[in-house]
Amino acid sequence: MKIHSLSIILGLILLSCTRTDNSNETESKPVEFNQALVDELSKMVEVDHKKRLEEIFDEYGYPGYDRLGEKGEEHFWLMVQHSDSFPDFQARVLEKLKIEVDKKNANGKNFGLLTDRVRLNTGEQQIYGTQVTYNSIGQAYPRDLADSAGVNKRRAEVGLEPLEEYLNMMTEMHFEMNKEYLKSQGINEPKLYKVNK
């Protein structure tokens, strides 16, 4: 009897060791990228995100430091800044942001960044040079900038560093993010602008 029980137990152990696990079947099948689903989810996030931002804006206006603190104000601004599909909404927020900046209740740098974003998103030239693109050697330069001679004066008025410093920072970040590709193109270090001190 003991031998029979032992045989059954050994048989069960052997069966459990040789059993194939079907959970790995999905790993062996290739996964197909679903762009339509990505697009649908992107729209859902964007629309839901924008709807809530509008609700907050309609209730409070631009929520500055007094209502949200510096971190909260920054978060609200950042979500508006990235609502590029809704330039009319961005423009409405920008108008109220200016009032709060004038009262020192919001970040002037954020005003400059959103101003340029709105202007480019509505077909106008930017005035602070905060929106950049990159040339073939990875160097940042401002997109469609109006009155480049007066840009640093305007930047200083809203608390932004000189344009050359900003472009160098953006160039260095771009170089770090694309280092392998740029090095394969013979670009071994970022090409920076001369900064007047």
C-alpha atoms as a PDB file:
ATOM      1  CA  MET A   1       0.000   0.000   0.000  1.00  0.00           C
ATOM      2  CA  LYS A   2       2.820   2.365   0.908  1.00  0.00           C
ATOM      3  CA  ILE A   3       4.581   1.553  -2.356  1.00  0.00           C
ATOM      4  CA  HIS A   4       1.346   2.187  -4.288  1.00  0.00           C
ATOM      5  CA  SER A   5       0.836   5.597  -2.571  1.00  0.00           C
ATOM      6  CA  LEU A   6       4.461   6.472  -3.129  1.00  0.00           C
ATOM      7  CA  SER A   7       4.107   5.572  -6.826  1.00  0.00           C
ATOM      8  CA  ILE A   8       1.052   7.808  -7.157  1.00  0.00           C
ATOM      9  CA  ILE A   9       2.821  10.713  -5.438  1.00  0.00           C
ATOM     10  CA  LEU A  10       5.913  10.274  -7.614  1.00  0.00           C
ATOM     11  CA  GLY A  11       3.705  10.074 -10.699  1.00  0.00           C
ATOM     12  CA  LEU A  12       1.951  13.310  -9.759  1.00  0.00           C
ATOM     13  CA  ILE A  13       5.264  15.040  -9.132  1.00  0.00           C
ATOM     14  CA  LEU A  14       6.573  13.897 -12.512  1.00  0.00           C
ATOM     15  CA  LEU A  15       3.378  15.021 -14.244  1.00  0.00           C
ATOM     16  CA  SER A  16       3.542  18.424 -12.634  1.00  0.00           C
ATOM     17  CA  CYS A  17       7.174  18.821 -13.713  1.00  0.00           C
ATOM     18  CA  THR A  18       6.500  17.865 -17.324  1.00  0.00           C
ATOM     19  CA  ARG A  19       3.258  19.833 -17.688  1.00  0.00           C
ATOM     20  CA  THR A  20       3.617  22.666 -20.165  1.00  0.00           C
ATOM     21  CA  ASP A  21       2.594  26.090 -19.058  1.00  0.00           C
ATOM     22  CA  ASN A  22       0.211  27.616 -21.587  1.00  0.00           C
ATOM     23  CA  SER A  23       0.704  31.106 -20.138  1.00  0.00           C
ATOM     24  CA  ASN A  24       3.825  31.514 -22.285  1.00  0.00           C
ATOM     25  CA  GLU A  25       1.928  30.915 -25.518  1.00  0.00           C
ATOM     26  CA  THR A  26       1.084  34.605 -25.830  1.00  0.00           C
ATOM     27  CA  GLU A  27       4.749  35.521 -25.419  1.00  0.00           C
ATOM     28  CA  SER A  28       5.742  33.510 -28.465  1.00  0.00           C
ATOM     29  CA  LYS A  29       3.146  35.142 -30.727  1.00  0.00           C
ATOM     30  CA  PRO A  30       4.262  38.402 -32.302  1.00  0.00           C
ATOM     31  CA  VAL A  31       2.401  41.444 -31.046  1.00  0.00           C
ATOM     32  CA  GLU A  32       1.015  43.783 -33.670  1.00  0.00           C
ATOM     33  CA  PHE A  33       1.303  47.517 -33.059  1.00  0.00           C
ATOM     34  CA  ASN A  34      -2.164  49.081 -33.089  1.00  0.00           C
ATOM     35  CA  GLN A  35      -1.880  52.718 -34.252  1.00  0.00           C
ATOM     36  CA  ALA A  36      -5.661  53.160 -34.379  1.00  0.00           C
ATOM     37  CA  LEU A  37      -5.900  52.278 -30.688  1.00  0.00           C
ATOM     38  CA  VAL A  38      -3.020  54.611 -29.858  1.00  0.00           C
ATOM     39  CA  ASP A  39      -4.778  57.449 -31.716  1.00  0.00           C
ATOM     40  CA  GLU A  40      -8.065  56.722 -29.965  1.00  0.00           C
ATOM     41  CA  LEU A  41      -6.446  56.698 -26.530  1.00  0.00           C
ATOM     42  CA  SER A  42      -4.534  59.903 -27.300  1.00  0.00           C
ATOM     43  CA  LYS A  43      -7.762  61.665 -28.223  1.00  0.00           C
ATOM     44  CA  MET A  44      -9.490  60.353 -25.098  1.00  0.00           C
ATOM     45  CA  VAL A  45      -6.706  61.629 -22.853  1.00  0.00           C
ATOM     46  CA  GLU A  46      -6.486  64.962 -24.644  1.00  0.00           C
ATOM     47  CA  VAL A  47     -10.237  65.628 -24.630  1.00  0.00           C
ATOM     48  CA  ASP A  48     -10.782  64.482 -21.034  1.00  0.00           C
ATOM     49  CA  HIS A  49      -7.702  66.367 -19.882  1.00  0.00           C
ATOM     50  CA  LYS A  50      -8.781  69.561 -21.666  1.00  0.00           C
ATOM     51  CA  LYS A  51     -12.358  69.285 -20.413  1.00  0.00           C
ATOM     52  CA  ARG A  52     -11.205  69.171 -16.781  1.00  0.00           C
ATOM     53  CA  LEU A  53      -8.776  72.045 -17.331  1.00  0.00           C
ATOM     54  CA  GLU A  54     -11.626  74.099 -18.774  1.00  0.00           C
ATOM     55  CA  GLU A  55     -13.825  73.285 -15.783  1.00  0.00           C
ATOM     56  CA  ILE A  56     -11.080  74.470 -13.427  1.00  0.00           C
ATOM     57  CA  PHE A  57     -10.456  77.577 -15.513  1.00  0.00           C
ATOM     58  CA  ASP A  58     -14.174  78.417 -15.733  1.00  0.00           C
ATOM     59  CA  GLU A  59     -14.528  78.104 -11.970  1.00  0.00           C
ATOM     60  CA  TYR A  60     -11.341  79.844 -10.798  1.00  0.00           C
ATOM     61  CA  GLY A  61      -9.895  81.785 -13.732  1.00  0.00           C
ATOM     62  CA  TYR A  62      -6.151  81.281 -13.850  1.00  0.00           C
ATOM     63  CA  PRO A  63      -5.330  79.547 -10.542  1.00  0.00           C
ATOM     64  CA  GLY A  64      -2.236  81.330  -9.307  1.00  0.00           C
ATOM     65  CA  TYR A  65       0.084  80.909  -6.326  1.00  0.00           C
ATOM     66  CA  ASP A  66      -2.556  82.085  -3.856  1.00  0.00           C
ATOM     67  CA  ARG A  67      -4.858  79.215  -4.798  1.00  0.00           C
ATOM     68  CA  LEU A  68      -2.419  76.440  -5.767  1.00  0.00           C
ATOM     69  CA  GLY A  69       1.054  77.379  -4.557  1.00  0.00           C
ATOM     70  CA  GLU A  70       4.019  77.431  -6.931  1.00  0.00           C
ATOM     71  CA  LYS A  71       3.953  73.707  -7.701  1.00  0.00           C
ATOM     72  CA  GLY A  72       0.217  73.602  -8.387  1.00  0.00           C
ATOM     73  CA  GLU A  73       0.366  76.702 -10.584  1.00  0.00           C
ATOM     74  CA  GLU A  74       3.206  75.087 -12.534  1.00  0.00           C
ATOM     75  CA  HIS A  75       1.197  71.895 -13.052  1.00  0.00           C
ATOM     76  CA  PHE A  76      -1.871  73.772 -14.299  1.00  0.00           C
ATOM     77  CA  TRP A  77       0.245  75.852 -16.673  1.00  0.00           C
ATOM     78  CA  LEU A  78       2.103  72.789 -17.985  1.00  0.00           C
ATOM     79  CA  MET A  79      -1.126  70.996 -18.895  1.00  0.00           C
ATOM     80  CA  VAL A  80      -2.377  74.109 -20.706  1.00  0.00           C
ATOM     81  CA  GLN A  81       1.016  74.505 -22.418  1.00  0.00           C
ATOM     82  CA  HIS A  82       0.643  70.999 -23.848  1.00  0.00           C
ATOM     83  CA  SER A  83      -2.947  71.483 -25.037  1.00  0.00           C
ATOM     84  CA  ASP A  84      -1.736  72.422 -28.517  1.00  0.00           C
ATOM     85  CA  SER A  85      -4.823  70.998 -30.201  1.00  0.00           C
ATOM     86  CA  PHE A  86      -6.851  73.708 -28.467  1.00  0.00           C
ATOM     87  CA  PRO A  87      -5.147  77.049 -29.221  1.00  0.00           C
ATOM     88  CA  ASP A  88      -8.343  79.023 -28.503  1.00  0.00           C
ATOM     89  CA  PHE A  89      -8.397  77.610 -24.987  1.00  0.00           C
ATOM     90  CA  GLN A  90      -4.681  78.322 -24.579  1.00  0.00           C
ATOM     91  CA  ALA A  91      -5.315  81.938 -25.665  1.00  0.00           C
ATOM     92  CA  ARG A  92      -8.137  82.373 -23.130  1.00  0.00           C
ATOM     93  CA  VAL A  93      -5.883  81.076 -20.364  1.00  0.00           C
ATOM     94  CA  LEU A  94      -2.998  83.277 -21.525  1.00  0.00           C
ATOM     95  CA  GLU A  95      -5.133  86.400 -21.128  1.00  0.00           C
ATOM     96  CA  LYS A  96      -5.903  85.551 -17.481  1.00  0.00           C
ATOM     97  CA  LEU A  97      -2.342  84.362 -16.826  1.00  0.00           C
ATOM     98  CA  LYS A  98      -1.071  87.843 -17.777  1.00  0.00           C
ATOM     99  CA  ILE A  99      -3.296  89.393 -15.081  1.00  0.00           C
ATOM    100  CA  GLU A 100      -1.913  87.013 -12.449  1.00  0.00           C
ATOM    101  CA  VAL A 101       1.691  87.599 -13.566  1.00  0.00           C
ATOM    102  CA  ASP A 102       1.166  91.353 -13.234  1.00  0.00           C
ATOM    103  CA  LYS A 103      -0.047  90.755  -9.656  1.00  0.00           C
ATOM    104  CA  LYS A 104       3.045  88.535  -9.026  1.00  0.00           C
ATOM    105  CA  ASN A 105       0.637  85.639  -8.484  1.00  0.00           C
ATOM    106  CA  ALA A 106       1.979  83.454 -11.321  1.00  0.00           C
ATOM    107  CA  ASN A 107       5.260  82.678 -13.062  1.00  0.00           C
ATOM    108  CA  GLY A 108       6.307  85.223 -15.699  1.00  0.00           C
ATOM    109  CA  LYS A 109       8.497  82.645 -17.444  1.00  0.00           C
ATOM    110  CA  ASN A 110       5.421  80.493 -17.959  1.00  0.00           C
ATOM    111  CA  PHE A 111       3.688  83.513 -19.496  1.00  0.00           C
ATOM    112  CA  GLY A 112       6.533  83.847 -22.004  1.00  0.00           C
ATOM    113  CA  LEU A 113       6.477  80.154 -22.869  1.00  0.00           C
ATOM    114  CA  LEU A 114       2.694  80.040 -23.304  1.00  0.00           C
ATOM    115  CA  THR A 115       2.682  83.293 -25.303  1.00  0.00           C
ATOM    116  CA  ASP A 116       5.044  81.807 -27.868  1.00  0.00           C
ATOM    117  CA  ARG A 117       3.141  78.540 -27.972  1.00  0.00           C
ATOM    118  CA  VAL A 118      -0.180  80.307 -28.589  1.00  0.00           C
ATOM    119  CA  ARG A 119       1.305  82.593 -31.215  1.00  0.00           C
ATOM    120  CA  LEU A 120       2.839  79.713 -33.185  1.00  0.00           C
ATOM    121  CA  ASN A 121      -0.315  77.596 -32.802  1.00  0.00           C
ATOM    122  CA  THR A 122      -2.369  80.433 -34.297  1.00  0.00           C
ATOM    123  CA  GLY A 123      -0.006  81.185 -37.189  1.00  0.00           C
ATOM    124  CA  GLU A 124       1.809  84.178 -35.676  1.00  0.00           C
ATOM    125  CA  GLN A 125       5.489  84.690 -34.967  1.00  0.00           C
ATOM    126  CA  GLN A 126       6.741  84.055 -31.454  1.00  0.00           C
ATOM    127  CA  ILE A 127       8.188  86.971 -29.493  1.00  0.00           C
ATOM    128  CA  TYR A 128      10.263  85.336 -26.732  1.00  0.00           C
ATOM    129  CA  GLY A 129      12.017  82.628 -28.780  1.00  0.00           C
ATOM    130  CA  THR A 130      11.036  79.789 -26.436  1.00  0.00           C
ATOM    131  CA  GLN A 131       9.878  77.372 -29.129  1.00  0.00           C
ATOM    132  CA  VAL A 132      12.845  75.844 -30.912  1.00  0.00           C
ATOM    133  CA  THR A 133      13.800  73.425 -33.609  1.00  0.00           C
ATOM    134  CA  TYR A 134      17.220  71.946 -34.466  1.00  0.00           C
ATOM    135  CA  ASN A 135      19.540  72.230 -37.437  1.00  0.00           C
ATOM    136  CA  SER A 136      21.457  69.333 -39.004  1.00  0.00           C
ATOM    137  CA  ILE A 137      24.237  69.534 -36.397  1.00  0.00           C
ATOM    138  CA  GLY A 138      21.777  69.414 -33.480  1.00  0.00           C
ATOM    139  CA  GLN A 139      21.974  73.101 -32.579  1.00  0.00           C
ATOM    140  CA  ALA A 140      18.746  74.688 -31.309  1.00  0.00           C
ATOM    141  CA  TYR A 141      17.380  77.817 -32.939  1.00  0.00           C
ATOM    142  CA  PRO A 142      14.073  79.645 -32.440  1.00  0.00           C
ATOM    143  CA  ARG A 143      11.158  78.893 -34.713  1.00  0.00           C
ATOM    144  CA  ASP A 144       9.684  81.880 -36.599  1.00  0.00           C
ATOM    145  CA  LEU A 145      10.833  84.689 -34.296  1.00  0.00           C
ATOM    146  CA  ALA A 146       9.653  88.300 -34.637  1.00  0.00           C
ATOM    147  CA  ASP A 147      12.071  91.165 -33.932  1.00  0.00           C
ATOM    148  CA  SER A 148      15.108  89.097 -33.020  1.00  0.00           C
ATOM    149  CA  ALA A 149      17.086  92.247 -32.128  1.00  0.00           C
ATOM    150  CA  GLY A 150      14.797  92.992 -29.159  1.00  0.00           C
ATOM    151  CA  VAL A 151      14.229  89.421 -27.985  1.00  0.00           C
ATOM    152  CA  ASN A 152      16.552  89.498 -24.960  1.00  0.00           C
ATOM    153  CA  LYS A 153      14.935  92.685 -23.654  1.00  0.00           C
ATOM    154  CA  ARG A 154      11.492  91.044 -23.902  1.00  0.00           C
ATOM    155  CA  ARG A 155      12.787  87.830 -22.330  1.00  0.00           C
ATOM    156  CA  ALA A 156      14.237  89.741 -19.358  1.00  0.00           C
ATOM    157  CA  GLU A 157      10.881  91.485 -18.803  1.00  0.00           C
ATOM    158  CA  VAL A 158       9.210  88.113 -18.064  1.00  0.00           C
ATOM    159  CA  GLY A 159      12.144  86.593 -16.162  1.00  0.00           C
ATOM    160  CA  LEU A 160      13.641  84.464 -18.946  1.00  0.00           C
ATOM    161  CA  GLU A 161      17.403  84.114 -19.376  1.00  0.00           C
ATOM    162  CA  PRO A 162      19.094  85.537 -22.508  1.00  0.00           C
ATOM    163  CA  LEU A 163      18.152  83.667 -25.667  1.00  0.00           C
ATOM    164  CA  GLU A 164      21.706  82.395 -26.274  1.00  0.00           C
ATOM    165  CA  GLU A 165      21.804  80.734 -22.842  1.00  0.00           C
ATOM    166  CA  TYR A 166      18.399  79.155 -23.430  1.00  0.00           C
ATOM    167  CA  LEU A 167      19.392  77.880 -26.873  1.00  0.00           C
ATOM    168  CA  ASN A 168      22.603  76.427 -25.439  1.00  0.00           C
ATOM    169  CA  MET A 169      20.627  74.618 -22.725  1.00  0.00           C
ATOM    170  CA  MET A 170      18.224  73.216 -25.336  1.00  0.00           C
ATOM    171  CA  THR A 171      21.151  72.235 -27.589  1.00  0.00           C
ATOM    172  CA  GLU A 172      22.876  70.392 -24.743  1.00  0.00           C
ATOM    173  CA  MET A 173      19.683  68.520 -23.816  1.00  0.00           C
ATOM    174  CA  HIS A 174      19.095  67.601 -27.458  1.00  0.00           C
ATOM    175  CA  PHE A 175      22.680  66.384 -27.768  1.00  0.00           C
ATOM    176  CA  GLU A 176      22.359  64.177 -24.669  1.00  0.00           C
ATOM    177  CA  MET A 177      19.075  62.664 -25.874  1.00  0.00           C
ATOM    178  CA  ASN A 178      20.458  62.002 -29.372  1.00  0.00           C
ATOM    179  CA  LYS A 179      24.121  61.419 -28.561  1.00  0.00           C
ATOM    180  CA  GLU A 180      24.523  58.080 -30.350  1.00  0.00           C
ATOM    181  CA  TYR A 181      22.928  59.305 -33.562  1.00  0.00           C
ATOM    182  CA  LEU A 182      24.802  62.615 -33.553  1.00  0.00           C
ATOM    183  CA  LYS A 183      28.117  60.864 -32.885  1.00  0.00           C
ATOM    184  CA  SER A 184      27.405  58.528 -35.803  1.00  0.00           C
ATOM    185  CA  GLN A 185      27.104  61.699 -37.905  1.00  0.00           C
ATOM    186  CA  GLY A 186      30.513  62.927 -36.708  1.00  0.00           C
ATOM    187  CA  ILE A 187      29.131  65.391 -34.145  1.00  0.00           C
ATOM    188  CA  ASN A 188      30.990  64.669 -30.910  1.00  0.00           C
ATOM    189  CA  GLU A 189      29.876  67.612 -28.811  1.00  0.00           C
ATOM    190  CA  PRO A 190      27.085  70.192 -28.858  1.00  0.00           C
ATOM    191  CA  LYS A 191      27.722  73.323 -30.916  1.00  0.00           C
ATOM    192  CA  LEU A 192      26.962  76.211 -28.569  1.00  0.00           C
ATOM    193  CA  TYR A 193      26.300  79.899 -29.170  1.00  0.00           C
ATOM    194  CA  LYS A 194      28.648  82.566 -27.846  1.00  0.00           C
ATOM    195  CA  VAL A 195      27.147  84.093 -24.708  1.00  0.00           C
ATOM    196  CA  ASN A 196      27.865  87.746 -24.014  1.00  0.00           C
ATOM    197  CA  LYS A 197      28.515  88.382 -20.344  1.00  0.00           C
END
